[in-house]
Amino acid sequence: MRYIKVLLLVLLFFVSMLFLFQNQEVLGKDMMLKLDLFFFPPLKPVTLPTYFILLAGFLLGAFFAVALLLWDKLALSAKLMKAQWKVRNLERELGKYEVKTPAAVATPAEAKAKFSFKKAEKVKDDIPVPDPDKNA
């Protein structure tokens, strides 16, 4: 995957350089930029080559894209830290309520073997169940 990304970047670079060389006359022309807002005095016009404006726009867009990606990463990191903090607190709270079990109590594997959810099978327990007819 890494090689494919590098190949695509080289191809993009090649096509962009080809575009710049083939359109050198048009991109080399000067372009006048001015800003005239209604409530402020007009700013002095600036004359820049077209290729400079194109490259500056690309760099500005790349900067904003990286800033937004970093903002998203920081927001997700904050959510992750908050969730981990909540899990730690819940585990700590659960630890308060856990009961120390004696060795005579069945392990989870024994308990699973002892109890079955199948309707056809009935597992016999060692604990005697009182018969209601005998007491009456």
N, C-alpha and C. Protein backbone atom coordinates (compact mmCIF):
# COMPACT_ATOMS: atom_id res chain seq x y z
N MET A 1 0.83 -1.19 0.00
CA MET A 1 0.00 0.00 0.00
C MET A 1 0.87 1.26 0.00
N ARG A 2 1.97 1.18 0.75
CA ARG A 2 2.86 2.34 0.84
C ARG A 2 3.46 2.68 -0.52
N TYR A 3 3.81 1.64 -1.30
CA TYR A 3 4.39 1.87 -2.61
C TYR A 3 3.36 2.47 -3.57
N ILE A 4 2.12 2.07 -3.43
CA ILE A 4 1.07 2.62 -4.29
C ILE A 4 0.88 4.10 -3.98
N LYS A 5 0.90 4.47 -2.70
CA LYS A 5 0.76 5.88 -2.33
C LYS A 5 1.92 6.71 -2.87
N VAL A 6 3.12 6.19 -2.77
CA VAL A 6 4.29 6.91 -3.29
C VAL A 6 4.18 7.04 -4.81
N LEU A 7 3.76 5.98 -5.47
CA LEU A 7 3.61 6.03 -6.93
C LEU A 7 2.55 7.08 -7.33
N LEU A 8 1.44 7.13 -6.61
CA LEU A 8 0.41 8.12 -6.91
C LEU A 8 0.90 9.54 -6.65
N LEU A 9 1.68 9.74 -5.60
CA LEU A 9 2.23 11.07 -5.33
C LEU A 9 3.22 11.50 -6.41
N VAL A 10 4.05 10.59 -6.88
CA VAL A 10 5.00 10.90 -7.95
C VAL A 10 4.23 11.22 -9.23
N LEU A 11 3.18 10.46 -9.50
CA LEU A 11 2.36 10.72 -10.68
C LEU A 11 1.67 12.08 -10.60
N LEU A 12 1.14 12.42 -9.43
CA LEU A 12 0.52 13.73 -9.23
C LEU A 12 1.54 14.86 -9.41
N PHE A 13 2.72 14.68 -8.87
CA PHE A 13 3.78 15.68 -9.02
C PHE A 13 4.16 15.84 -10.50
N PHE A 14 4.28 14.72 -11.21
CA PHE A 14 4.63 14.77 -12.63
C PHE A 14 3.56 15.52 -13.44
N VAL A 15 2.30 15.22 -13.19
CA VAL A 15 1.22 15.87 -13.94
C VAL A 15 1.16 17.35 -13.61
N SER A 16 1.36 17.72 -12.36
CA SER A 16 1.33 19.14 -12.00
C SER A 16 2.51 19.90 -12.62
N MET A 17 3.68 19.30 -12.66
CA MET A 17 4.83 19.96 -13.30
C MET A 17 4.60 20.08 -14.81
N LEU A 18 4.01 19.08 -15.41
CA LEU A 18 3.68 19.13 -16.83
C LEU A 18 2.70 20.26 -17.11
N PHE A 19 1.72 20.40 -16.23
CA PHE A 19 0.74 21.49 -16.36
C PHE A 19 1.42 22.85 -16.27
N LEU A 20 2.33 23.01 -15.31
CA LEU A 20 3.03 24.28 -15.14
C LEU A 20 3.90 24.62 -16.34
N PHE A 21 4.62 23.64 -16.89
CA PHE A 21 5.50 23.91 -18.03
C PHE A 21 4.72 24.19 -19.30
N GLN A 22 3.60 23.49 -19.49
CA GLN A 22 2.83 23.70 -20.72
C GLN A 22 2.05 25.01 -20.69
N ASN A 23 1.75 25.53 -19.52
CA ASN A 23 0.98 26.77 -19.40
C ASN A 23 1.83 27.89 -18.80
N GLN A 24 3.09 27.90 -19.12
CA GLN A 24 4.01 28.87 -18.52
C GLN A 24 3.67 30.30 -18.92
N GLU A 25 3.24 30.52 -20.13
CA GLU A 25 2.90 31.88 -20.57
C GLU A 25 1.69 32.42 -19.81
N VAL A 26 0.65 31.58 -19.68
CA VAL A 26 -0.57 32.03 -19.02
C VAL A 26 -0.34 32.20 -17.52
N LEU A 27 0.36 31.25 -16.92
CA LEU A 27 0.58 31.30 -15.48
C LEU A 27 1.61 32.36 -15.10
N GLY A 28 2.43 32.78 -16.01
CA GLY A 28 3.44 33.80 -15.73
C GLY A 28 2.90 35.22 -15.78
N LYS A 29 1.71 35.40 -16.31
CA LYS A 29 1.13 36.74 -16.39
C LYS A 29 0.80 37.26 -15.00
N ASP A 30 0.90 38.57 -14.87
CA ASP A 30 0.60 39.19 -13.57
C ASP A 30 -0.91 39.37 -13.42
N MET A 31 -1.35 39.19 -12.18
CA MET A 31 -2.75 39.36 -11.86
C MET A 31 -2.85 40.39 -10.74
N MET A 32 -3.77 41.34 -10.89
CA MET A 32 -3.92 42.38 -9.88
C MET A 32 -5.01 41.96 -8.90
N LEU A 33 -4.66 41.98 -7.63
CA LEU A 33 -5.61 41.66 -6.57
C LEU A 33 -5.94 42.94 -5.81
N LYS A 34 -7.23 43.18 -5.63
CA LYS A 34 -7.63 44.35 -4.85
C LYS A 34 -8.80 43.97 -3.96
N LEU A 35 -8.94 44.71 -2.89
CA LEU A 35 -10.02 44.46 -1.92
C LEU A 35 -10.66 45.80 -1.60
N ASP A 36 -11.94 45.89 -1.91
CA ASP A 36 -12.68 47.14 -1.69
C ASP A 36 -13.95 46.79 -0.92
N LEU A 37 -13.88 46.93 0.41
CA LEU A 37 -15.06 46.70 1.24
C LEU A 37 -15.82 48.01 1.40
N PHE A 38 -17.11 47.90 1.58
CA PHE A 38 -17.95 49.10 1.62
C PHE A 38 -17.70 49.96 2.85
N PHE A 39 -17.38 49.35 3.98
CA PHE A 39 -17.24 50.13 5.22
C PHE A 39 -15.80 50.45 5.57
N PHE A 40 -14.83 49.98 4.78
CA PHE A 40 -13.42 50.29 5.01
C PHE A 40 -12.85 50.99 3.78
N PRO A 41 -11.81 51.77 3.95
CA PRO A 41 -11.19 52.37 2.76
C PRO A 41 -10.56 51.26 1.90
N PRO A 42 -10.57 51.40 0.59
CA PRO A 42 -10.01 50.36 -0.29
C PRO A 42 -8.52 50.17 -0.06
N LEU A 43 -8.11 48.91 -0.12
CA LEU A 43 -6.69 48.58 0.03
C LEU A 43 -5.97 48.79 -1.31
N LYS A 44 -4.68 49.04 -1.21
CA LYS A 44 -3.86 49.27 -2.41
C LYS A 44 -3.77 47.95 -3.20
N PRO A 45 -4.01 47.97 -4.51
CA PRO A 45 -3.95 46.74 -5.31
C PRO A 45 -2.54 46.14 -5.31
N VAL A 46 -2.48 44.81 -5.34
CA VAL A 46 -1.22 44.08 -5.36
C VAL A 46 -1.16 43.29 -6.66
N THR A 47 -0.04 43.35 -7.34
CA THR A 47 0.14 42.61 -8.58
C THR A 47 1.06 41.42 -8.32
N LEU A 48 0.53 40.21 -8.59
CA LEU A 48 1.28 38.98 -8.36
C LEU A 48 1.17 38.08 -9.58
N PRO A 49 2.18 37.24 -9.83
CA PRO A 49 2.07 36.29 -10.93
C PRO A 49 0.99 35.23 -10.61
N THR A 50 0.36 34.72 -11.64
CA THR A 50 -0.74 33.76 -11.46
C THR A 50 -0.26 32.47 -10.80
N TYR A 51 0.93 32.00 -11.16
CA TYR A 51 1.42 30.76 -10.55
C TYR A 51 1.63 30.93 -9.05
N PHE A 52 2.02 32.13 -8.60
CA PHE A 52 2.21 32.37 -7.17
C PHE A 52 0.87 32.28 -6.44
N ILE A 53 -0.17 32.85 -7.05
CA ILE A 53 -1.50 32.79 -6.45
C ILE A 53 -1.99 31.34 -6.38
N LEU A 54 -1.72 30.58 -7.44
CA LEU A 54 -2.11 29.17 -7.48
C LEU A 54 -1.39 28.38 -6.39
N LEU A 55 -0.09 28.55 -6.26
CA LEU A 55 0.67 27.84 -5.23
C LEU A 55 0.31 28.29 -3.82
N ALA A 56 0.07 29.59 -3.64
CA ALA A 56 -0.32 30.09 -2.32
C ALA A 56 -1.69 29.53 -1.92
N GLY A 57 -2.60 29.44 -2.87
CA GLY A 57 -3.92 28.84 -2.58
C GLY A 57 -3.80 27.38 -2.21
N PHE A 58 -2.92 26.64 -2.92
CA PHE A 58 -2.70 25.23 -2.60
C PHE A 58 -2.13 25.07 -1.19
N LEU A 59 -1.11 25.87 -0.86
CA LEU A 59 -0.51 25.77 0.48
C LEU A 59 -1.48 26.18 1.57
N LEU A 60 -2.28 27.20 1.33
CA LEU A 60 -3.28 27.62 2.31
C LEU A 60 -4.32 26.52 2.53
N GLY A 61 -4.77 25.89 1.45
CA GLY A 61 -5.72 24.78 1.56
C GLY A 61 -5.13 23.60 2.30
N ALA A 62 -3.86 23.28 2.01
CA ALA A 62 -3.19 22.18 2.72
C ALA A 62 -3.06 22.49 4.20
N PHE A 63 -2.74 23.74 4.53
CA PHE A 63 -2.63 24.13 5.93
C PHE A 63 -3.97 23.96 6.66
N PHE A 64 -5.05 24.41 6.04
CA PHE A 64 -6.36 24.27 6.67
C PHE A 64 -6.77 22.81 6.79
N ALA A 65 -6.45 21.99 5.79
CA ALA A 65 -6.78 20.57 5.87
C ALA A 65 -6.04 19.89 7.01
N VAL A 66 -4.75 20.20 7.18
CA VAL A 66 -3.98 19.61 8.27
C VAL A 66 -4.51 20.10 9.62
N ALA A 67 -4.88 21.38 9.70
CA ALA A 67 -5.41 21.93 10.95
C ALA A 67 -6.72 21.23 11.33
N LEU A 68 -7.59 21.00 10.35
CA LEU A 68 -8.85 20.31 10.64
C LEU A 68 -8.61 18.86 11.03
N LEU A 69 -7.66 18.19 10.38
CA LEU A 69 -7.35 16.80 10.76
C LEU A 69 -6.78 16.73 12.17
N LEU A 70 -5.92 17.70 12.53
CA LEU A 70 -5.38 17.73 13.89
C LEU A 70 -6.47 18.00 14.92
N TRP A 71 -7.38 18.91 14.57
CA TRP A 71 -8.49 19.22 15.48
C TRP A 71 -9.34 17.97 15.72
N ASP A 72 -9.63 17.23 14.65
CA ASP A 72 -10.42 16.01 14.76
C ASP A 72 -9.68 14.96 15.59
N LYS A 73 -8.37 14.84 15.37
CA LYS A 73 -7.58 13.86 16.13
C LYS A 73 -7.55 14.22 17.61
N LEU A 74 -7.41 15.50 17.92
CA LEU A 74 -7.40 15.92 19.32
C LEU A 74 -8.76 15.68 19.97
N ALA A 75 -9.84 15.93 19.24
CA ALA A 75 -11.18 15.69 19.78
C ALA A 75 -11.39 14.20 20.06
N LEU A 76 -10.96 13.35 19.13
CA LEU A 76 -11.10 11.91 19.35
C LEU A 76 -10.22 11.43 20.49
N SER A 77 -9.03 11.98 20.62
CA SER A 77 -8.16 11.62 21.75
C SER A 77 -8.78 12.02 23.08
N ALA A 78 -9.42 13.19 23.10
CA ALA A 78 -10.08 13.63 24.33
C ALA A 78 -11.25 12.70 24.68
N LYS A 79 -12.01 12.27 23.68
CA LYS A 79 -13.11 11.34 23.93
C LYS A 79 -12.59 10.00 24.44
N LEU A 80 -11.48 9.54 23.85
CA LEU A 80 -10.88 8.28 24.29
C LEU A 80 -10.41 8.36 25.73
N MET A 81 -9.73 9.45 26.07
CA MET A 81 -9.25 9.61 27.45
C MET A 81 -10.41 9.67 28.43
N LYS A 82 -11.49 10.35 28.06
CA LYS A 82 -12.66 10.44 28.92
C LYS A 82 -13.30 9.07 29.11
N ALA A 83 -13.39 8.28 28.03
CA ALA A 83 -13.97 6.94 28.12
C ALA A 83 -13.08 6.03 28.98
N GLN A 84 -11.76 6.12 28.82
CA GLN A 84 -10.86 5.30 29.64
C GLN A 84 -10.95 5.69 31.11
N TRP A 85 -11.09 6.98 31.38
CA TRP A 85 -11.23 7.45 32.75
C TRP A 85 -12.53 6.89 33.36
N LYS A 86 -13.61 6.89 32.57
CA LYS A 86 -14.88 6.37 33.05
C LYS A 86 -14.79 4.87 33.31
N VAL A 87 -14.10 4.13 32.44
CA VAL A 87 -13.94 2.69 32.63
C VAL A 87 -13.15 2.42 33.90
N ARG A 88 -12.07 3.18 34.12
CA ARG A 88 -11.28 2.98 35.35
C ARG A 88 -12.12 3.24 36.60
N ASN A 89 -12.93 4.29 36.57
CA ASN A 89 -13.78 4.59 37.73
C ASN A 89 -14.81 3.49 37.95
N LEU A 90 -15.40 2.98 36.87
CA LEU A 90 -16.39 1.91 37.02
C LEU A 90 -15.74 0.62 37.51
N GLU A 91 -14.53 0.32 37.03
CA GLU A 91 -13.82 -0.86 37.52
C GLU A 91 -13.46 -0.71 38.99
N ARG A 92 -13.06 0.49 39.39
CA ARG A 92 -12.75 0.75 40.79
C ARG A 92 -14.01 0.57 41.65
N GLU A 93 -15.13 1.07 41.14
CA GLU A 93 -16.39 0.94 41.88
C GLU A 93 -16.83 -0.52 41.95
N LEU A 94 -16.62 -1.26 40.88
CA LEU A 94 -16.96 -2.68 40.88
C LEU A 94 -16.08 -3.45 41.86
N GLY A 95 -14.82 -3.05 41.97
CA GLY A 95 -13.91 -3.70 42.92
C GLY A 95 -14.37 -3.55 44.36
N LYS A 96 -15.08 -2.48 44.70
CA LYS A 96 -15.60 -2.30 46.05
C LYS A 96 -16.66 -3.34 46.38
N TYR A 97 -17.43 -3.74 45.36
CA TYR A 97 -18.58 -4.61 45.61
C TYR A 97 -18.28 -6.08 45.37
N GLU A 98 -17.10 -6.41 44.89
CA GLU A 98 -16.76 -7.81 44.68
C GLU A 98 -16.58 -8.50 46.02
N VAL A 99 -17.09 -9.71 46.10
CA VAL A 99 -17.02 -10.49 47.34
C VAL A 99 -15.91 -11.52 47.18
N LYS A 100 -15.14 -11.65 48.22
CA LYS A 100 -14.10 -12.67 48.21
C LYS A 100 -14.78 -14.03 48.33
N THR A 101 -14.55 -14.92 47.36
CA THR A 101 -15.19 -16.23 47.37
C THR A 101 -14.27 -17.25 48.01
N PRO A 102 -14.82 -18.12 48.86
CA PRO A 102 -13.99 -19.18 49.46
C PRO A 102 -13.63 -20.23 48.40
N ALA A 103 -12.68 -21.07 48.73
CA ALA A 103 -12.20 -22.09 47.79
C ALA A 103 -13.25 -23.15 47.54
N ALA A 104 -14.24 -23.31 48.45
CA ALA A 104 -15.26 -24.35 48.30
C ALA A 104 -16.27 -24.00 47.20
N VAL A 105 -16.35 -22.76 46.84
CA VAL A 105 -17.30 -22.36 45.81
C VAL A 105 -16.77 -22.81 44.45
N ALA A 106 -17.68 -23.25 43.61
CA ALA A 106 -17.29 -23.77 42.31
C ALA A 106 -16.68 -22.68 41.44
N THR A 107 -15.71 -23.08 40.65
CA THR A 107 -15.11 -22.16 39.69
C THR A 107 -16.10 -21.94 38.55
N PRO A 108 -15.92 -20.92 37.73
CA PRO A 108 -16.85 -20.68 36.63
C PRO A 108 -16.96 -21.87 35.68
N ALA A 109 -15.87 -22.59 35.45
CA ALA A 109 -15.93 -23.75 34.56
C ALA A 109 -16.78 -24.86 35.17
N GLU A 110 -16.64 -25.08 36.49
CA GLU A 110 -17.45 -26.10 37.18
C GLU A 110 -18.92 -25.69 37.19
N ALA A 111 -19.17 -24.42 37.42
CA ALA A 111 -20.55 -23.96 37.45
C ALA A 111 -21.19 -24.09 36.07
N LYS A 112 -20.44 -23.86 35.03
CA LYS A 112 -20.97 -24.00 33.68
C LYS A 112 -21.28 -25.46 33.38
N ALA A 113 -20.44 -26.37 33.84
CA ALA A 113 -20.68 -27.78 33.62
C ALA A 113 -21.86 -28.27 34.46
N LYS A 114 -22.08 -27.66 35.60
CA LYS A 114 -23.14 -28.09 36.51
C LYS A 114 -24.51 -27.68 36.00
N PHE A 115 -24.62 -26.47 35.48
CA PHE A 115 -25.90 -25.96 35.01
C PHE A 115 -25.97 -26.04 33.50
N SER A 116 -27.06 -26.56 33.02
CA SER A 116 -27.24 -26.67 31.58
C SER A 116 -28.56 -26.02 31.21
N PHE A 117 -28.59 -25.37 30.07
CA PHE A 117 -29.80 -24.70 29.63
C PHE A 117 -30.62 -25.56 28.68
N LYS A 118 -30.21 -26.78 28.47
CA LYS A 118 -30.97 -27.67 27.60
C LYS A 118 -32.19 -28.17 28.36
N LYS A 119 -33.34 -28.24 27.68
CA LYS A 119 -34.58 -28.66 28.34
C LYS A 119 -34.59 -30.16 28.62
N ALA A 120 -33.96 -30.94 27.77
CA ALA A 120 -34.02 -32.39 27.91
C ALA A 120 -33.17 -32.87 29.08
N GLU A 121 -32.10 -32.20 29.37
CA GLU A 121 -31.20 -32.64 30.44
C GLU A 121 -31.54 -31.94 31.74
N LYS A 122 -31.49 -32.69 32.82
CA LYS A 122 -31.62 -32.10 34.14
C LYS A 122 -30.40 -32.55 34.93
N VAL A 123 -29.74 -31.61 35.53
CA VAL A 123 -28.52 -31.90 36.28
C VAL A 123 -28.90 -32.04 37.74
N LYS A 124 -28.40 -33.10 38.38
CA LYS A 124 -28.69 -33.35 39.78
C LYS A 124 -27.75 -32.53 40.64
N ASP A 125 -28.28 -31.84 41.60
CA ASP A 125 -27.47 -31.08 42.53
C ASP A 125 -27.21 -31.90 43.78
N ASP A 126 -26.16 -31.59 44.49
CA ASP A 126 -25.84 -32.27 45.74
C ASP A 126 -26.70 -31.77 46.89
N ILE A 127 -27.37 -30.64 46.69
CA ILE A 127 -28.18 -30.06 47.77
C ILE A 127 -29.56 -30.71 47.75
N PRO A 128 -29.98 -31.29 48.87
CA PRO A 128 -31.31 -31.92 48.90
C PRO A 128 -32.39 -30.86 48.87
N VAL A 129 -33.43 -31.10 48.10
CA VAL A 129 -34.57 -30.20 48.00
C VAL A 129 -35.68 -30.77 48.87
N PRO A 130 -36.23 -29.97 49.79
CA PRO A 130 -37.29 -30.49 50.67
C PRO A 130 -38.56 -30.78 49.85
N ASP A 131 -39.20 -31.89 50.18
CA ASP A 131 -40.43 -32.30 49.49
C ASP A 131 -41.61 -31.63 50.19
N PRO A 132 -42.46 -30.87 49.50
CA PRO A 132 -43.56 -30.17 50.17
C PRO A 132 -44.62 -31.13 50.70
N ASP A 133 -44.74 -32.35 50.13
CA ASP A 133 -45.77 -33.30 50.59
C ASP A 133 -45.41 -33.88 51.95
N LYS A 134 -44.15 -34.05 52.26
CA LYS A 134 -43.72 -34.62 53.53
C LYS A 134 -44.01 -33.67 54.70
N ASN A 135 -43.88 -32.37 54.47
CA ASN A 135 -44.10 -31.40 55.54
C ASN A 135 -45.58 -31.24 55.86
N ALA A 136 -46.46 -31.55 54.93
CA ALA A 136 -47.88 -31.32 55.15
C ALA A 136 -48.56 -32.40 55.90
